[in-house]
C-alpha atoms as a PDB file:
ATOM      1  CA  MET A   1      -0.040   0.122  -0.130  1.00  0.00           C
ATOM      2  CA  ARG A   2       1.190   3.581  -0.818  1.00  0.00           C
ATOM      3  CA  LYS A   3       0.671   6.731   1.536  1.00  0.00           C
ATOM      4  CA  ILE A   4       0.177   9.994  -0.423  1.00  0.00           C
ATOM      5  CA  LEU A   5       0.732  13.235   1.477  1.00  0.00           C
ATOM      6  CA  LEU A   6      -1.253  15.466  -0.714  1.00  0.00           C
ATOM      7  CA  LEU A   7      -0.158  18.984  -1.454  1.00  0.00           C
ATOM      8  CA  PHE A   8      -2.973  20.988  -1.313  1.00  0.00           C
ATOM      9  CA  SER A   9      -1.709  24.452  -1.759  1.00  0.00           C
ATOM     10  CA  LEU A  10       2.058  23.607  -0.989  1.00  0.00           C
ATOM     11  CA  LEU A  11       3.089  24.356  -4.519  1.00  0.00           C
ATOM     12  CA  PRO A  12       1.667  27.980  -5.903  1.00  0.00           C
ATOM     13  CA  PHE A  13       5.036  28.820  -7.137  1.00  0.00           C
ATOM     14  CA  LEU A  14       4.852  25.947  -9.200  1.00  0.00           C
ATOM     15  CA  SER A  15       1.807  26.928 -11.652  1.00  0.00           C
ATOM     16  CA  THR A  16       2.814  28.189 -14.913  1.00  0.00           C
ATOM     17  CA  ALA A  17       1.868  31.727 -15.900  1.00  0.00           C
ATOM     18  CA  GLN A  18      -1.628  32.733 -16.644  1.00  0.00           C
ATOM     19  CA  ASN A  19      -2.235  34.802 -19.545  1.00  0.00           C
ATOM     20  CA  SER A  20      -5.448  36.740 -18.163  1.00  0.00           C
ATOM     21  CA  ASN A  21      -6.673  36.772 -21.803  1.00  0.00           C
ATOM     22  CA  THR A  22      -6.817  33.303 -22.183  1.00  0.00           C
ATOM     23  CA  ALA A  23      -9.403  31.306 -21.492  1.00  0.00           C
ATOM     24  CA  SER A  24      -9.135  28.309 -18.530  1.00  0.00           C
ATOM     25  CA  PHE A  25     -11.158  25.459 -16.479  1.00  0.00           C
ATOM     26  CA  VAL A  26     -12.823  26.977 -13.265  1.00  0.00           C
ATOM     27  CA  LYS A  27     -13.846  23.683 -11.625  1.00  0.00           C
ATOM     28  CA  ASN A  28     -12.168  20.086 -11.598  1.00  0.00           C
ATOM     29  CA  GLU A  29     -13.855  17.822 -14.214  1.00  0.00           C
ATOM     30  CA  LEU A  30     -13.626  14.021 -14.129  1.00  0.00           C
ATOM     31  CA  ILE A  31     -15.104  12.300 -17.237  1.00  0.00           C
ATOM     32  CA  ILE A  32     -15.322   8.469 -17.843  1.00  0.00           C
ATOM     33  CA  ILE A  33     -15.186   7.276 -21.269  1.00  0.00           C
ATOM     34  CA  GLU A  34     -16.590   4.013 -22.347  1.00  0.00           C
ATOM     35  CA  SER A  35     -14.967   1.028 -23.517  1.00  0.00           C
ATOM     36  CA  ASN A  36     -14.767   1.393 -27.794  1.00  0.00           C
ATOM     37  CA  PRO A  37     -13.714  -1.458 -29.349  1.00  0.00           C
ATOM     38  CA  SER A  38     -13.901   0.059 -32.656  1.00  0.00           C
ATOM     39  CA  LYS A  39     -11.638   2.724 -31.384  1.00  0.00           C
ATOM     40  CA  GLY A  40      -8.993   0.106 -30.198  1.00  0.00           C
ATOM     41  CA  PHE A  41      -9.971   0.000 -26.580  1.00  0.00           C
ATOM     42  CA  ASN A  42     -11.883  -2.677 -25.005  1.00  0.00           C
ATOM     43  CA  ASN A  43     -11.928  -1.377 -21.317  1.00  0.00           C
ATOM     44  CA  SER A  44     -12.877   2.468 -20.124  1.00  0.00           C
ATOM     45  CA  TYR A  45     -10.688   4.970 -19.136  1.00  0.00           C
ATOM     46  CA  ILE A  46     -10.791   8.188 -16.800  1.00  0.00           C
ATOM     47  CA  LEU A  47     -10.018  11.929 -17.980  1.00  0.00           C
ATOM     48  CA  PHE A  48      -9.341  14.279 -15.740  1.00  0.00           C
ATOM     49  CA  ILE A  49      -8.635  17.585 -15.995  1.00  0.00           C
ATOM     50  CA  PRO A  50      -8.340  19.359 -13.510  1.00  0.00           C
ATOM     51  CA  LYS A  51      -9.454  23.570 -12.335  1.00  0.00           C
ATOM     52  CA  GLY A  52      -7.092  26.360 -14.221  1.00  0.00           C
ATOM     53  CA  VAL A  53      -6.378  23.871 -17.335  1.00  0.00           C
ATOM     54  CA  GLN A  54      -5.667  26.390 -20.041  1.00  0.00           C
ATOM     55  CA  LYS A  55      -7.914  26.364 -22.918  1.00  0.00           C
ATOM     56  CA  ASN A  56      -6.449  26.490 -27.233  1.00  0.00           C
ATOM     57  CA  LYS A  57      -3.063  26.586 -25.443  1.00  0.00           C
ATOM     58  CA  LEU A  58      -0.492  23.203 -26.365  1.00  0.00           C
ATOM     59  CA  THR A  59       0.337  21.709 -22.989  1.00  0.00           C
ATOM     60  CA  ARG A  60       1.220  17.838 -21.861  1.00  0.00           C
ATOM     61  CA  LEU A  61      -1.374  14.666 -21.276  1.00  0.00           C
ATOM     62  CA  LEU A  62      -0.366  12.836 -17.881  1.00  0.00           C
ATOM     63  CA  VAL A  63      -0.910   8.875 -18.205  1.00  0.00           C
ATOM     64  CA  GLU A  64      -0.368   6.914 -14.907  1.00  0.00           C
ATOM     65  CA  PRO A  65      -1.857   3.498 -15.150  1.00  0.00           C
ATOM     66  CA  ASN A  66      -4.293   1.868 -12.619  1.00  0.00           C
ATOM     67  CA  ASN A  67      -3.344   0.139  -9.692  1.00  0.00           C
ATOM     68  CA  THR A  68      -6.164  -1.520  -7.308  1.00  0.00           C
ATOM     69  CA  GLY A  69      -3.820  -3.253  -5.479  1.00  0.00           C
ATOM     70  CA  LYS A  70      -5.377  -6.567  -5.453  1.00  0.00           C
ATOM     71  CA  VAL A  71      -6.837  -9.104  -8.012  1.00  0.00           C
ATOM     72  CA  THR A  72     -11.018  -8.829  -8.215  1.00  0.00           C
ATOM     73  CA  ASP A  73     -13.386 -10.067 -10.617  1.00  0.00           C
ATOM     74  CA  SER A  74     -15.335  -6.754 -10.348  1.00  0.00           C
ATOM     75  CA  ILE A  75     -14.822  -3.863 -12.677  1.00  0.00           C
ATOM     76  CA  SER A  76     -16.389  -1.691  -9.853  1.00  0.00           C
ATOM     77  CA  ILE A  77     -13.714  -1.875  -7.711  1.00  0.00           C
ATOM     78  CA  HIS A  78     -11.202  -1.313 -10.204  1.00  0.00           C
ATOM     79  CA  LYS A  79     -13.129   1.941 -11.327  1.00  0.00           C
ATOM     80  CA  LYS A  80     -13.338   2.975  -7.949  1.00  0.00           C
ATOM     81  CA  TYR A  81      -9.659   2.851  -7.304  1.00  0.00           C
ATOM     82  CA  ALA A  82      -9.230   4.429 -10.379  1.00  0.00           C
ATOM     83  CA  ILE A  83     -11.251   7.012  -9.822  1.00  0.00           C
ATOM     84  CA  GLY A  84      -9.098   7.444  -6.733  1.00  0.00           C
ATOM     85  CA  LEU A  85      -6.442   8.123  -8.242  1.00  0.00           C
ATOM     86  CA  ALA A  86      -7.532  10.494 -10.722  1.00  0.00           C
ATOM     87  CA  SER A  87      -9.133  12.850  -8.603  1.00  0.00           C
ATOM     88  CA  GLU A  88      -7.650  12.203  -5.364  1.00  0.00           C
ATOM     89  CA  SER A  89      -5.066  10.029  -3.402  1.00  0.00           C
ATOM     90  CA  SER A  90      -1.951   9.694  -6.066  1.00  0.00           C
ATOM     91  CA  ILE A  91       0.905  11.877  -7.287  1.00  0.00           C
ATOM     92  CA  GLY A  92      -0.186  11.788 -11.060  1.00  0.00           C
ATOM     93  CA  ASN A  93      -3.202  13.664  -9.267  1.00  0.00           C
ATOM     94  CA  ASN A  94      -1.135  16.213  -7.276  1.00  0.00           C
ATOM     95  CA  ILE A  95       1.111  16.388 -10.764  1.00  0.00           C
ATOM     96  CA  SER A  96      -2.327  17.340 -12.679  1.00  0.00           C
ATOM     97  CA  THR A  97      -3.454  19.436 -10.229  1.00  0.00           C
ATOM     98  CA  GLU A  98      -0.594  21.634  -9.450  1.00  0.00           C
ATOM     99  CA  LEU A  99       1.313  21.510 -13.311  1.00  0.00           C
ATOM    100  CA  LYS A 100      -2.654  22.253 -14.622  1.00  0.00           C
ATOM    101  CA  ILE A 101      -2.565  19.868 -17.029  1.00  0.00           C
ATOM    102  CA  PRO A 102      -5.100  16.723 -17.955  1.00  0.00           C
ATOM    103  CA  LEU A 103      -4.749  13.313 -16.618  1.00  0.00           C
ATOM    104  CA  LEU A 104      -5.779   9.839 -18.138  1.00  0.00           C
ATOM    105  CA  VAL A 105      -5.813   6.889 -16.062  1.00  0.00           C
ATOM    106  CA  PRO A 106      -7.929   3.686 -17.852  1.00  0.00           C
ATOM    107  CA  ILE A 107      -9.803   0.981 -15.915  1.00  0.00           C
ATOM    108  CA  PHE A 108      -7.704  -2.426 -16.659  1.00  0.00           C
ATOM    109  CA  PRO A 109      -8.843  -5.111 -14.890  1.00  0.00           C
ATOM    110  CA  ARG A 110      -6.735  -7.414 -12.685  1.00  0.00           C
ATOM    111  CA  PRO A 111      -8.785 -10.972 -12.851  1.00  0.00           C
ATOM    112  CA  ALA A 112      -9.254 -13.193 -10.049  1.00  0.00           C
ATOM    113  CA  ALA A 113      -9.779 -15.304 -12.386  1.00  0.00           C
ATOM    114  CA  LYS A 114      -6.204 -15.394 -14.180  1.00  0.00           C
ATOM    115  CA  PRO A 115      -4.821 -14.491 -11.043  1.00  0.00           C
ATOM    116  CA  LEU A 116      -1.279 -14.649 -12.459  1.00  0.00           C
ATOM    117  CA  VAL A 117      -1.966 -12.363 -15.256  1.00  0.00           C
ATOM    118  CA  TYR A 118      -0.450  -9.179 -13.631  1.00  0.00           C
ATOM    119  CA  THR A 119      -2.355  -6.462 -15.772  1.00  0.00           C
ATOM    120  CA  HIS A 120      -1.242  -3.967 -13.450  1.00  0.00           C
ATOM    121  CA  ALA A 121       2.362  -4.197 -14.271  1.00  0.00           C
ATOM    122  CA  LEU A 122       2.169  -5.191 -17.778  1.00  0.00           C
ATOM    123  CA  ASP A 123       3.892  -8.691 -17.314  1.00  0.00           C
ATOM    124  CA  ARG A 124       4.882 -10.828 -19.838  1.00  0.00           C
ATOM    125  CA  ASP A 125       1.407 -13.166 -18.808  1.00  0.00           C
ATOM    126  CA  VAL A 126      -0.490 -10.161 -20.349  1.00  0.00           C
ATOM    127  CA  ILE A 127       1.550  -9.797 -23.648  1.00  0.00           C
ATOM    128  CA  PHE A 128       0.114 -12.749 -24.730  1.00  0.00           C
ATOM    129  CA  GLU A 129      -3.425 -12.867 -23.244  1.00  0.00           C
ATOM    130  CA  LYS A 130      -5.643 -13.231 -26.002  1.00  0.00           C
ATOM    131  CA  THR A 131      -8.920 -12.346 -24.515  1.00  0.00           C
ATOM    132  CA  ASN A 132     -10.685  -8.715 -25.988  1.00  0.00           C
ATOM    133  CA  ARG A 133     -10.196  -7.174 -22.793  1.00  0.00           C
ATOM    134  CA  LEU A 134      -6.816  -8.131 -21.443  1.00  0.00           C
ATOM    135  CA  LYS A 135      -5.055  -8.571 -24.780  1.00  0.00           C
ATOM    136  CA  ARG A 136      -2.112  -6.102 -25.710  1.00  0.00           C
ATOM    137  CA  LEU A 137      -3.062  -3.093 -22.885  1.00  0.00           C
ATOM    138  CA  ASP A 138      -0.067  -1.140 -23.920  1.00  0.00           C
ATOM    139  CA  LEU A 139      -2.011  -0.953 -27.268  1.00  0.00           C
ATOM    140  CA  GLN A 140      -5.601  -0.196 -26.151  1.00  0.00           C
ATOM    141  CA  LEU A 141      -3.529   2.259 -23.581  1.00  0.00           C
ATOM    142  CA  ILE A 142      -2.018   4.244 -26.892  1.00  0.00           C
ATOM    143  CA  ALA A 143      -6.047   4.036 -28.378  1.00  0.00           C
ATOM    144  CA  MET A 144      -6.805   5.633 -25.326  1.00  0.00           C
ATOM    145  CA  ILE A 145      -4.695   8.257 -25.358  1.00  0.00           C
ATOM    146  CA  LYS A 146      -5.564   8.983 -28.965  1.00  0.00           C
ATOM    147  CA  ASP A 147      -8.996   9.333 -28.066  1.00  0.00           C
ATOM    148  CA  ALA A 148      -8.000  11.444 -25.338  1.00  0.00           C
ATOM    149  CA  ARG A 149      -6.592  14.120 -27.519  1.00  0.00           C
ATOM    150  CA  ASN A 150      -9.759  14.515 -29.909  1.00  0.00           C
ATOM    151  CA  GLN A 151     -11.684  14.046 -26.048  1.00  0.00           C
ATOM    152  CA  LEU A 152      -9.391  17.240 -24.872  1.00  0.00           C
ATOM    153  CA  LYS A 153      -9.361  18.965 -28.155  1.00  0.00           C
ATOM    154  CA  ASP A 154     -13.760  19.026 -28.351  1.00  0.00           C
ATOM    155  CA  ARG A 155     -13.196  20.555 -24.947  1.00  0.00           C
ATOM    156  CA  ASN A 156     -10.706  23.029 -26.430  1.00  0.00           C
ATOM    157  CA  VAL A 157      -7.601  21.313 -25.044  1.00  0.00           C
ATOM    158  CA  LEU A 158      -4.951  20.994 -26.955  1.00  0.00           C
ATOM    159  CA  VAL A 159      -2.043  18.781 -26.266  1.00  0.00           C
ATOM    160  CA  HIS A 160       1.331  17.646 -27.791  1.00  0.00           C
ATOM    161  CA  ASP A 161       1.578  13.965 -29.254  1.00  0.00           C
ATOM    162  CA  LYS A 162       3.919  12.821 -26.687  1.00  0.00           C
ATOM    163  CA  ILE A 163       3.233  12.317 -23.335  1.00  0.00           C
ATOM    164  CA  PHE A 164       3.889  12.367 -19.738  1.00  0.00           C
ATOM    165  CA  MET A 165       3.807   9.290 -18.000  1.00  0.00           C
ATOM    166  CA  ASN A 166       4.025   8.319 -13.938  1.00  0.00           C
ATOM    167  CA  GLY A 167       3.386   5.669 -11.700  1.00  0.00           C
ATOM    168  CA  PHE A 168       4.479   4.330  -8.619  1.00  0.00           C
ATOM    169  CA  SER A 169       4.373   0.183  -7.319  1.00  0.00           C
ATOM    170  CA  ALA A 170       2.727  -2.241  -9.848  1.00  0.00           C
ATOM    171  CA  SER A 171       2.052   0.868 -11.994  1.00  0.00           C
ATOM    172  CA  ALA A 172       5.800   2.186 -12.223  1.00  0.00           C
ATOM    173  CA  THR A 173       6.367  -1.259 -13.477  1.00  0.00           C
ATOM    174  CA  PHE A 174       3.828  -0.979 -16.116  1.00  0.00           C
ATOM    175  CA  THR A 175       5.405   2.498 -17.004  1.00  0.00           C
ATOM    176  CA  ASN A 176       9.057   0.976 -17.007  1.00  0.00           C
ATOM    177  CA  ARG A 177       7.759  -1.500 -19.632  1.00  0.00           C
ATOM    178  CA  PHE A 178       5.370   0.646 -21.710  1.00  0.00           C
ATOM    179  CA  LEU A 179       8.671   2.769 -22.290  1.00  0.00           C
ATOM    180  CA  PHE A 180      10.722   0.214 -23.717  1.00  0.00           C
ATOM    181  CA  ILE A 181       7.739  -0.951 -26.046  1.00  0.00           C
ATOM    182  CA  HIS A 182       6.729   2.372 -27.340  1.00  0.00           C
ATOM    183  CA  PRO A 183       9.825   5.127 -26.974  1.00  0.00           C
ATOM    184  CA  GLU A 184       8.398   7.366 -29.188  1.00  0.00           C
ATOM    185  CA  ILE A 185       5.431   8.426 -27.522  1.00  0.00           C
ATOM    186  CA  VAL A 186       6.601   9.353 -24.224  1.00  0.00           C
ATOM    187  CA  ALA A 187       8.574  12.666 -23.523  1.00  0.00           C
ATOM    188  CA  ALA A 188       9.163  12.434 -19.798  1.00  0.00           C
ATOM    189  CA  ALA A 189       8.370   9.409 -17.628  1.00  0.00           C
ATOM    190  CA  ALA A 190       8.815   9.163 -13.530  1.00  0.00           C
ATOM    191  CA  MET A 191       8.787   6.215 -11.857  1.00  0.00           C
ATOM    192  CA  GLY A 192       8.911   4.763  -7.946  1.00  0.00           C
ATOM    193  CA  GLY A 193       8.388   1.947  -5.505  1.00  0.00           C
ATOM    194  CA  PHE A 194       8.971  -0.711  -8.250  1.00  0.00           C
ATOM    195  CA  ASN A 195      10.744  -3.646  -6.051  1.00  0.00           C
ATOM    196  CA  GLY A 196      14.386  -2.675  -7.182  1.00  0.00           C
ATOM    197  CA  GLU A 197      13.903  -4.110 -10.297  1.00  0.00           C
ATOM    198  CA  LEU A 198      13.620  -2.774 -14.102  1.00  0.00           C
ATOM    199  CA  MET A 199      13.225  -3.780 -17.124  1.00  0.00           C
ATOM    200  CA  LEU A 200      17.243  -3.738 -18.798  1.00  0.00           C
ATOM    201  CA  PRO A 201      18.148  -2.452 -22.218  1.00  0.00           C
ATOM    202  CA  LEU A 202      19.959  -5.724 -22.723  1.00  0.00           C
ATOM    203  CA  LYS A 203      19.480  -8.905 -23.806  1.00  0.00           C
ATOM    204  CA  LYS A 204      22.289 -10.748 -21.931  1.00  0.00           C
ATOM    205  CA  TYR A 205      23.251  -9.737 -18.535  1.00  0.00           C
ATOM    206  CA  LYS A 206      25.978 -12.802 -16.000  1.00  0.00           C
ATOM    207  CA  ASN A 207      25.710 -14.600 -19.477  1.00  0.00           C
ATOM    208  CA  LYS A 208      21.919 -14.668 -18.779  1.00  0.00           C
ATOM    209  CA  GLU A 209      18.925 -14.299 -21.357  1.00  0.00           C
ATOM    210  CA  PHE A 210      16.951 -11.447 -20.320  1.00  0.00           C
ATOM    211  CA  ASP A 211      13.562 -12.050 -22.373  1.00  0.00           C
ATOM    212  CA  TYR A 212      10.774  -9.410 -21.790  1.00  0.00           C
ATOM    213  CA  PRO A 213      10.010  -7.926 -19.112  1.00  0.00           C
ATOM    214  CA  LEU A 214      13.642  -8.589 -17.927  1.00  0.00           C
ATOM    215  CA  GLY A 215      15.247  -7.485 -20.925  1.00  0.00           C
ATOM    216  CA  ILE A 216      14.954  -6.624 -24.467  1.00  0.00           C
ATOM    217  CA  ASN A 217      16.244 -10.669 -25.436  1.00  0.00           C
ATOM    218  CA  ASP A 218      13.471 -12.046 -27.569  1.00  0.00           C
ATOM    219  CA  PHE A 219      11.949  -7.987 -28.131  1.00  0.00           C
ATOM    220  CA  GLU A 220      11.744  -8.027 -31.805  1.00  0.00           C
ATOM    221  CA  LYS A 221       9.884 -11.397 -31.584  1.00  0.00           C
ATOM    222  CA  ILE A 222       7.250 -10.924 -29.321  1.00  0.00           C
ATOM    223  CA  PHE A 223       6.340  -7.198 -30.754  1.00  0.00           C
ATOM    224  CA  ASP A 224       7.842  -7.590 -34.168  1.00  0.00           C
ATOM    225  CA  LYS A 225       9.950  -4.002 -34.295  1.00  0.00           C
ATOM    226  CA  LYS A 226      13.502  -3.712 -33.490  1.00  0.00           C
ATOM    227  CA  PHE A 227      14.072  -1.829 -29.837  1.00  0.00           C
ATOM    228  CA  ASN A 228      13.982   2.014 -30.484  1.00  0.00           C
ATOM    229  CA  GLN A 229      17.465   2.619 -28.032  1.00  0.00           C
ATOM    230  CA  LYS A 230      18.449   6.185 -28.882  1.00  0.00           C
ATOM    231  CA  ASN A 231      14.626   6.707 -28.364  1.00  0.00           C
ATOM    232  CA  TYR A 232      14.711   4.910 -25.573  1.00  0.00           C
ATOM    233  CA  GLN A 233      17.982   6.927 -24.077  1.00  0.00           C
ATOM    234  CA  ASN A 234      16.727  10.169 -24.866  1.00  0.00           C
ATOM    235  CA  ILE A 235      13.903   9.850 -22.555  1.00  0.00           C
ATOM    236  CA  PRO A 236      13.899  11.838 -19.510  1.00  0.00           C
ATOM    237  CA  GLN A 237      13.594  10.057 -16.874  1.00  0.00           C
ATOM    238  CA  TYR A 238      12.954  10.452 -13.025  1.00  0.00           C
ATOM    239  CA  ILE A 239      13.289   6.644 -10.960  1.00  0.00           C
ATOM    240  CA  TYR A 240      13.339   7.011  -6.959  1.00  0.00           C
ATOM    241  CA  MET A 241      12.857   4.522  -4.366  1.00  0.00           C
ATOM    242  CA  GLY A 242      12.562   4.970  -0.345  1.00  0.00           C
ATOM    243  CA  ALA A 243      15.805   3.373   1.516  1.00  0.00           C
ATOM    244  CA  LEU A 244      13.396   1.238   3.304  1.00  0.00           C
ATOM    245  CA  ASP A 245      11.185  -0.253   0.854  1.00  0.00           C
ATOM    246  CA  ASN A 246      11.568  -3.702   0.875  1.00  0.00           C
ATOM    247  CA  ASN A 247       8.074  -4.516  -0.614  1.00  0.00           C
ATOM    248  CA  ASP A 248       9.049  -7.551  -3.392  1.00  0.00           C
ATOM    249  CA  ALA A 249       6.785  -8.226  -5.949  1.00  0.00           C
ATOM    250  CA  VAL A 250       9.496 -10.536  -7.351  1.00  0.00           C
ATOM    251  CA  GLN A 251       9.109 -13.484  -5.273  1.00  0.00           C
ATOM    252  CA  PHE A 252       5.390 -13.856  -5.862  1.00  0.00           C
ATOM    253  CA  ASP A 253       4.164 -15.902  -8.659  1.00  0.00           C
ATOM    254  CA  ASP A 254       1.436 -13.576  -9.831  1.00  0.00           C
ATOM    255  CA  ALA A 255       4.641 -10.750 -10.986  1.00  0.00           C
ATOM    256  CA  TYR A 256       7.081 -13.189 -12.208  1.00  0.00           C
ATOM    257  CA  ASN A 257       7.560 -16.972 -13.087  1.00  0.00           C
ATOM    258  CA  GLU A 258       9.464 -19.227 -11.589  1.00  0.00           C
ATOM    259  CA  HIS A 259      12.495 -18.802 -14.384  1.00  0.00           C
ATOM    260  CA  GLU A 260      12.158 -14.972 -14.047  1.00  0.00           C
ATOM    261  CA  ARG A 261      12.675 -15.618 -10.163  1.00  0.00           C
ATOM    262  CA  THR A 262      15.623 -17.180 -10.618  1.00  0.00           C
ATOM    263  CA  ILE A 263      17.582 -15.278 -13.021  1.00  0.00           C
ATOM    264  CA  ILE A 264      16.542 -11.893 -11.588  1.00  0.00           C
ATOM    265  CA  ASN A 265      17.555 -13.208  -7.671  1.00  0.00           C
ATOM    266  CA  THR A 266      21.471 -14.822  -9.058  1.00  0.00           C
ATOM    267  CA  THR A 267      22.103 -12.047 -11.259  1.00  0.00           C
ATOM    268  CA  LEU A 268      20.692  -8.378  -9.648  1.00  0.00           C
ATOM    269  CA  GLY A 269      19.956 -10.009  -6.391  1.00  0.00           C
ATOM    270  CA  HIS A 270      17.447 -11.333  -3.775  1.00  0.00           C
ATOM    271  CA  LYS A 271      17.326  -7.967  -1.584  1.00  0.00           C
ATOM    272  CA  VAL A 272      15.040  -4.980  -3.602  1.00  0.00           C
ATOM    273  CA  GLN A 273      17.968  -2.774  -2.191  1.00  0.00           C
ATOM    274  CA  GLU A 274      20.641  -4.970  -3.577  1.00  0.00           C
ATOM    275  CA  ARG A 275      18.960  -4.488  -7.184  1.00  0.00           C
ATOM    276  CA  TYR A 276      18.119  -1.268  -7.158  1.00  0.00           C
ATOM    277  CA  LYS A 277      21.536  -0.416  -6.726  1.00  0.00           C
ATOM    278  CA  LYS A 278      22.486  -2.745 -10.296  1.00  0.00           C
ATOM    279  CA  CYS A 279      19.913  -1.557 -11.846  1.00  0.00           C
ATOM    280  CA  GLN A 280      21.284   2.112 -11.431  1.00  0.00           C
ATOM    281  CA  ARG A 281      24.734   0.994 -12.348  1.00  0.00           C
ATOM    282  CA  ILE A 282      23.500  -0.843 -15.996  1.00  0.00           C
ATOM    283  CA  TYR A 283      20.577   2.324 -16.461  1.00  0.00           C
ATOM    284  CA  THR A 284      24.066   4.691 -16.158  1.00  0.00           C
ATOM    285  CA  GLU A 285      26.604   2.244 -18.508  1.00  0.00           C
ATOM    286  CA  ASN A 286      24.114   2.152 -20.886  1.00  0.00           C
ATOM    287  CA  ALA A 287      23.826   6.206 -21.187  1.00  0.00           C
ATOM    288  CA  ILE A 288      19.844   6.319 -19.992  1.00  0.00           C
ATOM    289  CA  SER A 289      18.692   9.623 -19.961  1.00  0.00           C
ATOM    290  CA  VAL A 290      17.738   9.472 -15.688  1.00  0.00           C
ATOM    291  CA  LYS A 291      17.602  10.877 -12.719  1.00  0.00           C
ATOM    292  CA  PHE A 292      18.279   8.403  -9.476  1.00  0.00           C
ATOM    293  CA  GLN A 293      17.022   9.615  -6.276  1.00  0.00           C
ATOM    294  CA  THR A 294      16.837   7.567  -2.796  1.00  0.00           C
ATOM    295  CA  TYR A 295      14.827   8.833   0.167  1.00  0.00           C
ATOM    296  CA  GLU A 296      16.043   8.430   3.449  1.00  0.00           C
ATOM    297  CA  LYS A 297      13.710   7.132   5.985  1.00  0.00           C
ATOM    298  CA  VAL A 298      11.311   6.106   3.384  1.00  0.00           C
ATOM    299  CA  GLY A 299       9.814   2.734   2.675  1.00  0.00           C
ATOM    300  CA  HIS A 300       6.858   1.357   0.264  1.00  0.00           C
ATOM    301  CA  TRP A 301       5.421   4.964   0.135  1.00  0.00           C
ATOM    302  CA  THR A 302       5.701   8.642  -0.970  1.00  0.00           C
ATOM    303  CA  THR A 303       5.845  11.985   0.978  1.00  0.00           C
ATOM    304  CA  SER A 304       5.318  15.479   0.183  1.00  0.00           C
ATOM    305  CA  LYS A 305       9.222  16.058  -0.501  1.00  0.00           C
ATOM    306  CA  VAL A 306       9.341  13.244  -3.107  1.00  0.00           C
ATOM    307  CA  ASN A 307       5.444  14.563  -4.616  1.00  0.00           C
ATOM    308  CA  LEU A 308       7.265  17.867  -4.750  1.00  0.00           C
ATOM    309  CA  ASP A 309      10.331  16.640  -6.709  1.00  0.00           C
ATOM    310  CA  VAL A 310       8.297  14.655  -8.962  1.00  0.00           C
ATOM    311  CA  ILE A 311       6.013  17.725  -9.230  1.00  0.00           C
ATOM    312  CA  LEU A 312       9.655  19.800 -10.278  1.00  0.00           C
ATOM    313  CA  PHE A 313      10.992  17.051 -12.747  1.00  0.00           C
ATOM    314  CA  PHE A 314       8.007  17.563 -14.907  1.00  0.00           C
ATOM    315  CA  LEU A 315       7.222  21.193 -14.403  1.00  0.00           C
ATOM    316  CA  LYS A 316      11.194  21.274 -16.101  1.00  0.00           C
ATOM    317  CA  GLU A 317       9.863  19.146 -19.086  1.00  0.00           C
ATOM    318  CA  LEU A 318       6.866  21.336 -19.331  1.00  0.00           C
ATOM    319  CA  LYS A 319       8.685  24.397 -19.582  1.00  0.00           C
ATOM    320  CA  LYS A 320      10.806  23.008 -22.250  1.00  0.00           C
ATOM    321  CA  ASN A 321       7.635  22.939 -24.723  1.00  0.00           C
ATOM    322  CA  ASN A 322       6.114  26.238 -23.520  1.00  0.00           C
END
């Protein structure tokens, strides 16, 4: 479970300059967009437009994958948690509210009927799923993003083609893996609380083949395209962990199978913080544009300091295009 400390009005200085002649939203709007298979998404999604978003001014769309934190066949429960993420208790909501940018949150299921299909982490089982609701959630998310651009345009909100992406815990893992598969559509990303294990831009490590989601060994075979290393390297990333975070999904079957777990434990380490240090070194050695941050006296949760740092990271990236 994550602990979110909302910022409220802690960051008034972060608001981008407002043009008094430019119309903006006078209240928060939360819109549920129903699933539309004809447009490529078999699940619904949430579009949150915070108060202060300017109309007819180009900005960024922020995307944060949903993370219910448990399996359930009730889509209404997943919807409830996703609404909470979009509108209240999440870093994504803080980013959206403080920077006045729209936020998209998918309502992806995590069915108890298929407990090993860890949808909210975009694991290997998800990629090979064939059922309409669960198959290729990464492509469904891209279809949602395209639809959201039109939904926003109808409301006079204009967004860049490339998105911001944020995640914590399982949604950080989803984000990390999504960036590898689709680096061409992400302008910047932040991730935290991810078990210390990141997908690596390597085919092999310590003589072990790193297949998806550990690495890119079978990337081309699975996704029918080459890994776009240059695009991925150039995505600004903010990756962080609490120094006391020992939440370890690696040791559980829903997150990793026995083969993946053995490879991770024998090459990157059995402990979360040990793996995190090795992943930092590998990312640095492979020239990935990432800033790593460790927060002392923080476990598997976030604090106002963490939230502030993530917001400042995205503010810097937002200003590059404004």
